[in-house]
Amino acid sequence: MQWNNPFKSANIFQKSEFARNSLTLTSGIAVAQVLPLLFYPILGRIFSPEDFGLQATLFAITTILATLSSCKYEGSIILSESKEEAANIATLCIIMSFAILTISYFLLQFALCPILSDLLQEPRLNSIIFICPLTAFAIVIFSVYNEWCIRNKYFKKLSVNKIVNSGAIVLSETTMGLAKTNSFGLIIGETIGRWISALGCIIRCWHDDSRTFSKVELAELPKLAKKYIEFPKYTMTGDLLNLIGVRFPALFLILFFCGREVGFFSMAMTIVAIPITIISSAIRDVFKQRASEEFKEKGNCISIFKKTFRIAAITGIIGYASIVCFLPSLFEIVLGDQWTTAGEYSQIVGVAVIFSFVSIPLNGVFIVAKKLKAYLIWQIYYATTTIISIIVGALVFKDMTGTLIIFTSLRASAYILSIVMTFIFAKGQTSTRL
């Protein structure tokens, strides 16, 4: 009879670079997500659901600007042929973003603000929308540094960076709230926090890799923009569609429901996203780097795909099943009596979280397998089902609960489709021509 070593699982972490890197990132991201949890009881009592609803609306606009301004060229950093080329791509992203966001600042401030304010029925946008381009630029810097760390296997630095980003945001939000400077403390605090994080990225990058960035050649930037043109053509378009699914629900819902309901929805989505951010995002970053290496060596990444799928699926199912019954009570205890409804909403949308928990780490296959057109097709389905679910739910059921049930069902179908597609592509380029 063969004896099974009870310490075999521990040995895996010693021998497997993938496991070690995943654990490093997971630990850092866990701390980064625990920090907001520690401050949510304070923020939930300082700010109203309406304040969180406005923040969700503004952040939707901000993330759209961040995606448009960088054209998602940062995604090509991991595919770069050398560290010097990666530095040139990073510089390209920063320069493009600065120029585009400067233009968007004046467009929002002097032309589009009244239109958006009337459309979204939110008069407070007139006084605060100028902050969106400023926050967007900080997000771009953070994203570029994130891809730089993944490409160069700086997983410890990436882990620290995520902690700094999260901590700076919640500390700034809490400080602004306690100071009661004005009604936009939550929004201004987030912007300050993101800029503290962005400046930290710049300082760390220059300290560690200044020699590499000193070799950047501006004349090479147009060539690289052309070389990786598929990222703005397909990835940027796909990510904009993804934002419709991730950020636009708040914008669409406010057309049919009051700001308080949107605030409940926003908080529910924020809380249920925590396990995705803690574990799934960490696995995604390490998986993308490892899958990229395997594709270069073997022409497929099916081995690491199956391993990642098993880890994510088991963790997601067990995690959700263990807390689903207690969510309303947890929201009430942690955030206060006014947030019980958000806990009930989280029970519904949490079903889709299980599928997203598995799908999100594996999405890197679209990039490493160079299936960006397929990624765009999936994003179209993702965005379309999001819009349909909210419109149908609001017009047919005319209440938030019914709308969220349809929203969750269609969103789960999108994640299942993504898992199937990435499984096919992970087998290698010979498996499909899509």
Protein backbone atom coordinates (compact mmCIF):
# COMPACT_ATOMS: atom_id res chain seq x y z
CA MET A 1 0.00 0.00 0.00
CA GLN A 2 1.36 3.39 -0.99
CA TRP A 3 1.61 5.89 1.86
CA ASN A 4 0.44 9.44 1.10
CA ASN A 5 2.59 12.14 2.61
CA PRO A 6 0.32 14.44 4.69
CA PHE A 7 2.73 17.31 4.09
CA LYS A 8 2.55 17.01 0.32
CA SER A 9 0.44 20.15 -0.05
CA ALA A 10 2.99 22.13 1.95
CA ASN A 11 5.77 20.85 -0.32
CA ILE A 12 3.87 22.17 -3.31
CA PHE A 13 4.28 25.73 -2.05
CA GLN A 14 7.99 25.14 -1.57
CA LYS A 15 8.56 23.76 -5.05
CA SER A 16 5.99 25.59 -7.15
CA GLU A 17 6.88 29.09 -8.26
CA PHE A 18 3.25 29.59 -9.30
CA ALA A 19 2.00 28.69 -5.82
CA ARG A 20 4.59 30.88 -4.07
CA ASN A 21 3.85 33.89 -6.26
CA SER A 22 0.10 33.39 -5.87
CA LEU A 23 0.48 33.20 -2.10
CA THR A 24 2.62 36.36 -2.08
CA LEU A 25 0.05 38.31 -4.04
CA THR A 26 -2.89 36.82 -2.19
CA SER A 27 -1.39 37.82 1.15
CA GLY A 28 -0.81 41.38 0.00
CA ILE A 29 -4.22 41.72 -1.60
CA ALA A 30 -5.87 40.19 1.47
CA VAL A 31 -4.35 42.93 3.62
CA ALA A 32 -5.36 45.50 1.02
CA GLN A 33 -8.98 44.34 1.22
CA VAL A 34 -9.08 43.93 4.98
CA LEU A 35 -8.18 47.61 5.36
CA PRO A 36 -11.40 48.84 3.71
CA LEU A 37 -13.38 46.32 5.77
CA LEU A 38 -11.95 47.85 8.92
CA PHE A 39 -13.03 51.31 7.82
CA TYR A 40 -16.44 50.47 6.28
CA PRO A 41 -18.15 50.57 9.70
CA ILE A 42 -16.97 54.18 9.98
CA LEU A 43 -17.62 55.16 6.35
CA GLY A 44 -21.06 53.52 6.40
CA ARG A 45 -22.06 55.75 9.29
CA ILE A 46 -20.42 58.96 8.07
CA PHE A 47 -21.74 58.83 4.51
CA SER A 48 -25.25 58.07 3.28
CA PRO A 49 -26.30 55.53 0.62
CA GLU A 50 -26.87 58.54 -1.68
CA ASP A 51 -23.20 59.53 -1.24
CA PHE A 52 -22.07 56.04 -2.22
CA GLY A 53 -24.46 56.15 -5.19
CA LEU A 54 -22.86 59.38 -6.44
CA GLN A 55 -19.40 57.91 -5.93
CA ALA A 56 -20.37 54.85 -8.02
CA THR A 57 -21.65 57.12 -10.80
CA LEU A 58 -18.49 59.23 -10.86
CA PHE A 59 -16.22 56.19 -10.70
CA ALA A 60 -18.00 54.73 -13.73
CA ILE A 61 -17.13 57.89 -15.68
CA THR A 62 -13.58 57.83 -14.30
CA THR A 63 -12.84 54.24 -15.32
CA ILE A 64 -14.14 54.91 -18.82
CA LEU A 65 -11.76 57.86 -19.13
CA ALA A 66 -8.84 55.77 -17.83
CA THR A 67 -9.52 53.04 -20.40
CA LEU A 68 -9.88 55.46 -23.30
CA SER A 69 -6.82 57.52 -22.41
CA SER A 70 -4.31 54.65 -22.25
CA CYS A 71 -5.90 52.76 -25.16
CA LYS A 72 -5.06 49.68 -23.03
CA TYR A 73 -1.50 49.62 -24.35
CA GLU A 74 -0.37 48.66 -20.83
CA GLY A 75 -1.71 45.18 -21.57
CA SER A 76 1.09 44.71 -24.11
CA ILE A 77 3.81 45.23 -21.50
CA ILE A 78 3.74 41.54 -20.59
CA LEU A 79 4.20 40.60 -24.26
CA SER A 80 7.20 42.91 -24.78
CA GLU A 81 10.35 41.34 -26.15
CA SER A 82 12.69 43.07 -23.69
CA LYS A 83 12.65 45.14 -20.54
CA GLU A 84 13.62 48.21 -22.55
CA GLU A 85 10.66 47.71 -24.89
CA ALA A 86 8.39 47.34 -21.86
CA ALA A 87 9.68 50.66 -20.51
CA ASN A 88 8.92 52.32 -23.85
CA ILE A 89 5.37 50.95 -23.79
CA ALA A 90 4.87 52.20 -20.23
CA THR A 91 6.05 55.65 -21.29
CA LEU A 92 3.71 55.56 -24.29
CA CYS A 93 0.75 54.87 -22.00
CA ILE A 94 1.59 57.72 -19.62
CA ILE A 95 2.11 60.30 -22.38
CA MET A 96 -1.06 59.32 -24.25
CA SER A 97 -3.12 59.35 -21.07
CA PHE A 98 -1.90 62.76 -19.99
CA ALA A 99 -2.74 64.31 -23.35
CA ILE A 100 -6.17 62.70 -23.70
CA LEU A 101 -7.21 63.35 -20.10
CA THR A 102 -6.20 67.00 -20.36
CA ILE A 103 -8.55 67.39 -23.32
CA SER A 104 -11.30 65.43 -21.57
CA TYR A 105 -11.03 67.69 -18.51
CA PHE A 106 -12.05 70.74 -20.52
CA LEU A 107 -14.74 68.82 -22.42
CA LEU A 108 -16.33 67.57 -19.22
CA GLN A 109 -16.06 70.85 -17.38
CA PHE A 110 -17.38 73.15 -20.08
CA ALA A 111 -19.45 71.02 -22.47
CA LEU A 112 -20.59 67.59 -21.29
CA CYS A 113 -21.29 68.20 -17.61
CA PRO A 114 -24.79 69.75 -18.02
CA ILE A 115 -25.79 66.96 -20.41
CA LEU A 116 -24.65 64.18 -18.06
CA SER A 117 -26.19 65.89 -15.06
CA ASP A 118 -29.60 66.09 -16.74
CA LEU A 119 -29.41 62.57 -18.19
CA LEU A 120 -28.49 60.95 -14.87
CA GLN A 121 -30.75 63.25 -12.88
CA GLU A 122 -27.88 64.13 -10.56
CA PRO A 123 -27.38 67.92 -10.19
CA ARG A 124 -24.37 67.42 -7.89
CA LEU A 125 -22.32 66.30 -10.91
CA ASN A 126 -21.98 69.95 -11.96
CA SER A 127 -19.83 70.68 -8.91
CA ILE A 128 -17.58 67.61 -8.85
CA ILE A 129 -17.26 66.05 -12.33
CA PHE A 130 -13.95 67.86 -12.94
CA ILE A 131 -12.32 65.36 -10.57
CA CYS A 132 -12.86 62.40 -12.93
CA PRO A 133 -9.88 63.04 -15.28
CA LEU A 134 -7.60 63.66 -12.27
CA THR A 135 -8.55 60.34 -10.69
CA ALA A 136 -8.36 58.57 -14.05
CA PHE A 137 -4.72 59.56 -14.54
CA ALA A 138 -3.81 58.14 -11.12
CA ILE A 139 -5.56 54.89 -12.08
CA VAL A 140 -3.58 54.69 -15.35
CA ILE A 141 -0.28 55.12 -13.49
CA PHE A 142 -1.26 52.37 -11.05
CA SER A 143 -2.33 50.03 -13.90
CA VAL A 144 0.88 50.59 -15.87
CA TYR A 145 2.98 49.86 -12.79
CA ASN A 146 0.88 46.77 -12.11
CA GLU A 147 1.65 45.36 -15.57
CA TRP A 148 5.32 46.35 -15.19
CA CYS A 149 5.57 44.35 -11.97
CA ILE A 150 3.85 41.32 -13.50
CA ARG A 151 6.13 41.37 -16.54
CA ASN A 152 9.27 41.51 -14.37
CA LYS A 153 8.00 39.14 -11.63
CA TYR A 154 8.06 41.89 -8.98
CA PHE A 155 5.27 40.15 -7.08
CA LYS A 156 6.34 41.31 -3.62
CA LYS A 157 6.48 44.92 -4.82
CA LEU A 158 3.13 44.51 -6.52
CA SER A 159 1.67 43.13 -3.30
CA VAL A 160 2.98 46.09 -1.29
CA ASN A 161 1.67 48.49 -3.91
CA LYS A 162 -1.86 47.11 -3.62
CA ILE A 163 -1.75 47.54 0.15
CA VAL A 164 -0.59 51.14 -0.19
CA ASN A 165 -3.29 51.85 -2.77
CA SER A 166 -6.09 50.44 -0.64
CA GLY A 167 -4.85 51.95 2.61
CA ALA A 168 -4.35 55.40 1.13
CA ILE A 169 -7.88 55.45 -0.30
CA VAL A 170 -9.76 54.43 2.86
CA LEU A 171 -7.62 56.61 5.13
CA SER A 172 -8.21 59.64 2.89
CA GLU A 173 -11.94 58.94 2.64
CA THR A 174 -12.24 58.55 6.42
CA THR A 175 -10.20 61.67 7.11
CA MET A 176 -12.32 63.75 4.74
CA GLY A 177 -15.50 62.34 6.26
CA LEU A 178 -14.49 63.00 9.85
CA ALA A 179 -13.31 66.50 8.93
CA LYS A 180 -16.71 67.17 7.30
CA THR A 181 -15.11 69.59 4.86
CA ASN A 182 -18.02 69.30 2.38
CA SER A 183 -20.61 66.85 1.00
CA PHE A 184 -18.09 65.40 -1.47
CA GLY A 185 -15.68 64.06 1.16
CA LEU A 186 -16.03 60.45 -0.02
CA ILE A 187 -15.15 61.36 -3.61
CA ILE A 188 -12.34 63.80 -2.82
CA GLY A 189 -10.87 61.33 -0.34
CA GLU A 190 -10.76 58.60 -2.98
CA THR A 191 -8.96 60.88 -5.42
CA ILE A 192 -6.36 61.90 -2.82
CA GLY A 193 -5.79 58.26 -1.90
CA ARG A 194 -5.33 57.17 -5.49
CA TRP A 195 -2.81 59.93 -6.10
CA ILE A 196 -0.82 58.95 -3.01
CA SER A 197 -0.66 55.44 -4.47
CA ALA A 198 0.24 56.71 -7.95
CA LEU A 199 3.09 58.83 -6.64
CA GLY A 200 4.33 55.80 -4.72
CA CYS A 201 4.37 53.80 -7.97
CA ILE A 202 6.43 56.49 -9.71
CA ILE A 203 8.94 56.71 -6.86
CA ARG A 204 9.38 52.92 -6.57
CA CYS A 205 9.66 52.45 -10.31
CA TRP A 206 12.27 55.19 -10.68
CA HIS A 207 14.22 53.91 -7.68
CA ASP A 208 14.33 50.32 -8.97
CA ASP A 209 14.46 50.76 -12.75
CA SER A 210 15.65 54.30 -13.48
CA ARG A 211 18.46 52.96 -15.70
CA THR A 212 15.97 51.13 -17.86
CA PHE A 213 13.65 54.12 -18.19
CA SER A 214 16.58 56.45 -18.92
CA LYS A 215 17.02 54.46 -22.15
CA VAL A 216 13.49 55.23 -23.38
CA GLU A 217 13.53 56.49 -26.96
CA LEU A 218 10.61 58.73 -27.85
CA ALA A 219 11.15 57.97 -31.54
CA GLU A 220 10.29 54.32 -30.81
CA LEU A 221 6.89 55.08 -29.31
CA PRO A 222 4.98 55.46 -32.61
CA LYS A 223 6.49 52.18 -33.81
CA LEU A 224 5.38 50.37 -30.68
CA ALA A 225 1.93 51.92 -30.96
CA LYS A 226 1.68 50.39 -34.42
CA LYS A 227 3.23 47.07 -33.38
CA TYR A 228 0.65 46.52 -30.63
CA ILE A 229 -2.25 48.18 -32.42
CA GLU A 230 -4.51 45.22 -31.61
CA PHE A 231 -4.75 46.42 -28.01
CA PRO A 232 -6.59 49.67 -28.78
CA LYS A 233 -8.51 47.93 -31.59
CA TYR A 234 -9.73 44.97 -29.60
CA THR A 235 -8.68 45.11 -25.94
CA MET A 236 -9.68 48.73 -25.40
CA THR A 237 -13.01 48.20 -27.12
CA GLY A 238 -13.51 45.00 -25.14
CA ASP A 239 -12.64 46.69 -21.85
CA LEU A 240 -15.02 49.55 -22.59
CA LEU A 241 -17.73 46.97 -23.10
CA ASN A 242 -16.60 45.31 -19.88
CA LEU A 243 -17.05 48.62 -18.10
CA ILE A 244 -20.63 48.63 -19.29
CA GLY A 245 -21.01 45.39 -17.38
CA VAL A 246 -18.99 46.44 -14.33
CA ARG A 247 -19.57 50.18 -13.93
CA PHE A 248 -22.60 51.04 -16.04
CA PRO A 249 -25.15 49.20 -13.90
CA ALA A 250 -24.95 52.10 -11.46
CA LEU A 251 -25.51 54.56 -14.33
CA PHE A 252 -28.39 52.56 -15.81
CA LEU A 253 -30.06 51.82 -12.49
CA ILE A 254 -30.17 55.47 -11.55
CA LEU A 255 -32.38 56.05 -14.61
CA PHE A 256 -35.03 53.74 -13.11
CA PHE A 257 -34.46 53.77 -9.35
CA CYS A 258 -33.60 56.34 -6.68
CA GLY A 259 -30.07 57.16 -5.56
CA ARG A 260 -30.59 55.30 -2.29
CA GLU A 261 -31.30 52.02 -4.12
CA VAL A 262 -28.25 52.55 -6.32
CA GLY A 263 -26.20 53.16 -3.17
CA PHE A 264 -27.37 49.82 -1.74
CA PHE A 265 -26.49 48.08 -5.01
CA SER A 266 -23.07 49.76 -5.13
CA MET A 267 -22.22 48.70 -1.58
CA ALA A 268 -23.42 45.14 -2.23
CA MET A 269 -21.24 44.85 -5.33
CA THR A 270 -18.28 46.34 -3.46
CA ILE A 271 -18.50 43.85 -0.61
CA VAL A 272 -19.05 40.74 -2.74
CA ALA A 273 -16.12 41.79 -4.93
CA ILE A 274 -13.73 41.49 -1.99
CA PRO A 275 -13.09 37.72 -2.34
CA ILE A 276 -12.52 38.25 -6.07
CA THR A 277 -10.01 40.98 -5.38
CA ILE A 278 -8.24 39.12 -2.61
CA ILE A 279 -7.74 35.73 -4.23
CA SER A 280 -8.94 35.76 -7.82
CA SER A 281 -7.02 38.89 -8.83
CA ALA A 282 -3.82 37.55 -7.29
CA ILE A 283 -4.16 34.25 -9.11
CA ARG A 284 -4.96 36.14 -12.32
CA ASP A 285 -1.74 38.19 -12.24
CA VAL A 286 0.46 35.17 -11.55
CA PHE A 287 -1.46 32.98 -13.97
CA LYS A 288 -1.07 35.50 -16.79
CA GLN A 289 2.70 35.65 -16.34
CA ARG A 290 3.04 31.84 -16.08
CA ALA A 291 0.65 31.19 -18.98
CA SER A 292 2.62 33.63 -21.13
CA GLU A 293 5.82 31.69 -20.46
CA GLU A 294 4.19 28.32 -21.19
CA PHE A 295 2.72 29.58 -24.45
CA LYS A 296 6.12 30.76 -25.59
CA GLU A 297 7.69 27.41 -24.69
CA LYS A 298 5.00 24.85 -25.62
CA GLY A 299 2.37 26.68 -27.70
CA ASN A 300 -0.30 26.06 -25.05
CA CYS A 301 -1.00 26.65 -21.36
CA ILE A 302 -3.56 23.94 -20.68
CA SER A 303 -1.64 22.52 -17.71
CA ILE A 304 -1.61 25.74 -15.69
CA PHE A 305 -5.18 26.44 -16.88
CA LYS A 306 -6.54 23.24 -15.34
CA LYS A 307 -4.65 23.79 -12.10
CA THR A 308 -5.94 27.35 -11.81
CA PHE A 309 -9.51 26.30 -12.65
CA ARG A 310 -9.58 23.68 -9.89
CA ILE A 311 -8.23 26.08 -7.26
CA ALA A 312 -10.63 28.89 -8.17
CA ALA A 313 -13.74 26.69 -8.50
CA ILE A 314 -13.32 24.90 -5.16
CA THR A 315 -12.45 28.11 -3.30
CA GLY A 316 -15.35 30.06 -4.83
CA ILE A 317 -18.05 27.49 -4.10
CA ILE A 318 -16.96 26.84 -0.52
CA GLY A 319 -16.47 30.52 0.21
CA TYR A 320 -19.90 31.65 -0.98
CA ALA A 321 -21.79 28.74 0.59
CA SER A 322 -20.26 29.48 3.99
CA ILE A 323 -21.45 33.10 4.24
CA VAL A 324 -24.53 33.54 2.02
CA CYS A 325 -27.08 33.06 4.84
CA PHE A 326 -25.39 35.61 7.09
CA LEU A 327 -24.88 38.48 4.64
CA PRO A 328 -27.84 40.73 5.69
CA SER A 329 -26.88 40.39 9.35
CA LEU A 330 -23.21 41.07 8.58
CA PHE A 331 -24.07 44.23 6.65
CA GLU A 332 -26.26 45.43 9.53
CA ILE A 333 -23.63 44.72 12.17
CA VAL A 334 -20.67 46.13 10.25
CA LEU A 335 -22.21 49.10 8.43
CA GLY A 336 -25.29 49.95 10.47
CA ASP A 337 -29.05 49.38 10.35
CA GLN A 338 -29.51 51.41 7.17
CA TRP A 339 -27.47 48.90 5.12
CA THR A 340 -29.52 45.72 5.71
CA THR A 341 -31.06 45.99 2.23
CA ALA A 342 -27.57 46.01 0.71
CA GLY A 343 -26.92 42.70 2.46
CA GLU A 344 -30.05 41.22 0.89
CA TYR A 345 -28.92 42.42 -2.53
CA SER A 346 -25.50 40.83 -1.99
CA GLN A 347 -27.16 37.42 -1.50
CA ILE A 348 -28.57 37.69 -5.02
CA VAL A 349 -25.57 39.06 -6.91
CA GLY A 350 -23.26 36.74 -4.96
CA VAL A 351 -24.41 33.81 -7.13
CA ALA A 352 -22.66 35.38 -10.12
CA VAL A 353 -19.56 35.92 -7.98
CA ILE A 354 -18.88 32.18 -7.93
CA PHE A 355 -18.61 32.11 -11.72
CA SER A 356 -16.66 35.36 -11.92
CA PHE A 357 -14.27 34.03 -9.28
CA VAL A 358 -13.36 31.22 -11.69
CA SER A 359 -13.55 33.22 -14.89
CA ILE A 360 -11.51 36.32 -14.04
CA PRO A 361 -8.14 34.57 -13.38
CA LEU A 362 -8.45 32.64 -16.64
CA ASN A 363 -9.23 35.68 -18.81
CA GLY A 364 -5.51 36.19 -19.26
CA VAL A 365 -5.64 33.38 -21.85
CA PHE A 366 -7.26 35.81 -24.30
CA ILE A 367 -4.10 37.94 -24.19
CA VAL A 368 -1.36 35.30 -24.03
CA ALA A 369 -3.05 33.25 -26.78
CA LYS A 370 -3.53 36.45 -28.80
CA LYS A 371 -7.27 35.87 -29.16
CA LEU A 372 -8.21 39.53 -28.81
CA LYS A 373 -11.00 39.34 -31.39
CA ALA A 374 -12.60 36.53 -29.43
CA TYR A 375 -12.21 38.60 -26.27
CA LEU A 376 -14.07 41.44 -27.97
CA ILE A 377 -16.89 39.07 -28.99
CA TRP A 378 -17.22 37.90 -25.40
CA GLN A 379 -17.25 41.48 -24.10
CA ILE A 380 -20.06 42.32 -26.52
CA TYR A 381 -22.11 39.48 -25.04
CA TYR A 382 -21.17 40.58 -21.50
CA ALA A 383 -22.19 44.19 -22.07
CA THR A 384 -25.34 43.36 -24.02
CA THR A 385 -26.68 41.00 -21.37
CA THR A 386 -25.98 43.61 -18.70
CA ILE A 387 -27.99 46.28 -20.49
CA ILE A 388 -30.82 43.88 -21.33
CA SER A 389 -31.06 42.56 -17.77
CA ILE A 390 -31.40 46.02 -16.22
CA ILE A 391 -33.85 47.37 -18.78
CA VAL A 392 -36.06 44.27 -18.77
CA GLY A 393 -35.89 43.96 -14.99
CA ALA A 394 -36.79 47.60 -14.42
CA LEU A 395 -39.63 47.65 -16.97
CA VAL A 396 -41.10 44.21 -16.24
CA PHE A 397 -40.59 43.74 -12.49
CA LYS A 398 -40.32 47.44 -11.66
CA ASP A 399 -38.39 46.68 -8.49
CA MET A 400 -34.72 46.22 -7.65
CA THR A 401 -34.96 42.61 -6.45
CA GLY A 402 -36.47 41.29 -9.68
CA THR A 403 -33.99 43.34 -11.70
CA LEU A 404 -31.05 41.88 -9.76
CA ILE A 405 -32.27 38.30 -10.28
CA ILE A 406 -32.24 38.77 -14.08
CA PHE A 407 -28.96 40.69 -13.86
CA THR A 408 -27.31 37.87 -11.89
CA SER A 409 -28.60 35.09 -14.17
CA LEU A 410 -27.35 36.68 -17.38
CA ARG A 411 -24.06 37.72 -15.82
CA ALA A 412 -23.43 34.14 -14.71
CA SER A 413 -24.07 32.96 -18.28
CA ALA A 414 -21.42 35.40 -19.52
CA TYR A 415 -18.81 34.08 -17.10
CA ILE A 416 -19.58 30.47 -18.05
CA LEU A 417 -19.10 31.37 -21.72
CA SER A 418 -15.73 32.97 -20.88
CA ILE A 419 -14.56 29.83 -19.06
CA VAL A 420 -15.46 27.65 -22.05
CA MET A 421 -13.73 29.97 -24.53
CA THR A 422 -10.51 30.28 -22.52
CA PHE A 423 -10.38 26.52 -22.03
CA ILE A 424 -10.45 26.04 -25.80
CA PHE A 425 -7.76 28.67 -26.39
CA ALA A 426 -5.54 27.34 -23.61
CA LYS A 427 -5.11 24.16 -25.65
CA GLY A 428 -3.09 26.11 -28.21
CA GLN A 429 -3.48 27.95 -31.48
CA THR A 430 -4.10 24.74 -33.41
CA SER A 431 -7.29 24.12 -31.44
CA THR A 432 -9.27 26.92 -33.08
CA ARG A 433 -8.97 29.68 -35.65
CA LEU A 434 -11.26 32.13 -33.89
